[in-house]
Protein backbone atom coordinates (compact mmCIF):
# COMPACT_ATOMS: atom_id res chain seq x y z
CA UNK A 1 30.31 -10.40 9.50
CA UNK A 2 26.72 -11.30 8.57
CA UNK A 3 25.21 -9.86 5.42
CA UNK A 4 22.44 -7.34 5.87
CA UNK A 5 20.35 -5.16 3.60
CA UNK A 6 18.03 -2.19 4.08
CA UNK A 7 14.95 -2.41 1.84
CA UNK A 8 12.64 0.56 1.37
CA UNK A 9 9.22 -0.43 0.04
CA UNK A 10 7.66 2.89 -0.94
CA UNK A 11 3.90 2.35 -0.75
CA UNK A 12 2.92 6.00 -1.14
CA UNK A 13 1.84 5.38 -4.74
CA UNK A 14 -1.91 5.10 -5.30
CA UNK A 15 -3.35 2.95 -8.09
CA UNK A 16 -4.80 5.04 -10.90
CA UNK A 17 -6.47 4.60 -14.28
CA UNK A 18 -7.22 1.06 -15.43
CA UNK A 19 -5.72 -0.49 -12.31
CA UNK A 20 -7.91 1.67 -10.05
CA UNK A 21 -10.97 0.76 -12.12
CA UNK A 22 -10.35 -2.90 -11.24
CA UNK A 23 -9.06 -2.78 -7.63
CA UNK A 24 -10.18 0.66 -6.44
CA UNK A 25 -8.16 3.66 -5.39
CA UNK A 26 -5.65 2.25 -2.92
CA UNK A 27 -1.90 1.94 -2.45
CA UNK A 28 -0.38 -0.73 -4.66
CA UNK A 29 0.99 -2.63 -1.65
CA UNK A 30 -2.54 -3.29 -0.37
CA UNK A 31 -3.81 -4.83 -3.62
CA UNK A 32 -4.63 -8.50 -3.06
CA UNK A 33 -3.37 -11.10 -5.53
CA UNK A 34 -3.59 -14.83 -4.88
CA UNK A 35 -4.87 -14.20 -1.33
CA UNK A 36 -1.92 -12.00 -0.30
CA UNK A 37 -1.29 -8.30 -0.59
CA UNK A 38 1.45 -7.26 -2.99
CA UNK A 39 3.47 -6.13 0.04
CA UNK A 40 3.18 -9.64 1.51
CA UNK A 41 4.42 -11.08 -1.80
CA UNK A 42 7.44 -8.77 -1.61
CA UNK A 43 8.11 -9.95 1.96
CA UNK A 44 8.07 -13.59 0.77
CA UNK A 45 10.52 -12.78 -2.04
CA UNK A 46 12.85 -11.04 0.39
CA UNK A 47 12.96 -14.11 2.63
CA UNK A 48 14.81 -15.90 -0.16
CA UNK A 49 17.64 -13.35 -0.07
CA UNK A 50 20.79 -14.71 1.53
CA UNK A 51 20.99 -11.82 4.00
CA UNK A 52 19.25 -10.25 6.95
CA UNK A 53 16.77 -7.79 5.46
CA UNK A 54 15.40 -4.78 7.32
CA UNK A 55 12.17 -3.76 5.55
CA UNK A 56 10.88 -0.20 5.77
CA UNK A 57 7.23 -0.11 4.66
CA UNK A 58 6.74 3.52 3.71
CA UNK A 59 3.11 4.67 3.82
CA UNK A 60 3.59 8.44 4.14
CA UNK A 61 6.26 11.15 4.05
CA UNK A 62 6.90 10.88 7.80
CA UNK A 63 7.69 7.15 7.42
CA UNK A 64 10.09 7.98 4.60
CA UNK A 65 11.95 10.63 6.60
CA UNK A 66 12.22 8.32 9.61
CA UNK A 67 13.61 5.51 7.47
CA UNK A 68 16.14 7.80 5.82
CA UNK A 69 17.26 9.07 9.22
CA UNK A 70 17.76 5.51 10.48
CA UNK A 71 19.43 4.25 7.30
CA UNK A 72 21.82 7.20 7.22
CA UNK A 73 23.61 5.65 10.19
CA UNK A 74 23.68 2.14 8.70
CA UNK A 75 26.58 0.54 6.89
CA UNK A 76 24.31 -1.96 5.13
CA UNK A 77 23.45 -1.51 1.46
CA UNK A 78 20.15 0.10 0.55
CA UNK A 79 17.59 -1.09 -1.99
CA UNK A 80 14.62 1.15 -2.89
CA UNK A 81 11.49 -0.16 -4.57
CA UNK A 82 8.34 1.81 -5.40
CA UNK A 83 5.25 -0.29 -4.74
CA UNK A 84 4.12 -0.26 -8.37
CA UNK A 85 7.07 -2.54 -9.23
CA UNK A 86 5.87 -6.05 -8.50
CA UNK A 87 8.09 -9.14 -8.21
CA UNK A 88 7.39 -12.20 -10.34
CA UNK A 89 4.80 -14.04 -8.24
CA UNK A 90 3.54 -16.74 -10.59
């Protein structure tokens, strides 16, 4: 059996305060750092996982409900990450 993982990247969170003053009011996943969006950095990190990863990029409530409906029927483990949590991308 091959290893698989469901990954929910919840990008419904909008930058606020000091972050918004620098990058503007936008979802965290669309913030560009080192020529890639933060979501693209997450995708790169997930490629290093020793498993097949199904990524659900959640941009609104409808996306979230669709993902939950699909994942409910999956036997693969689920990992949830809000977009304001950023992997180490040094």
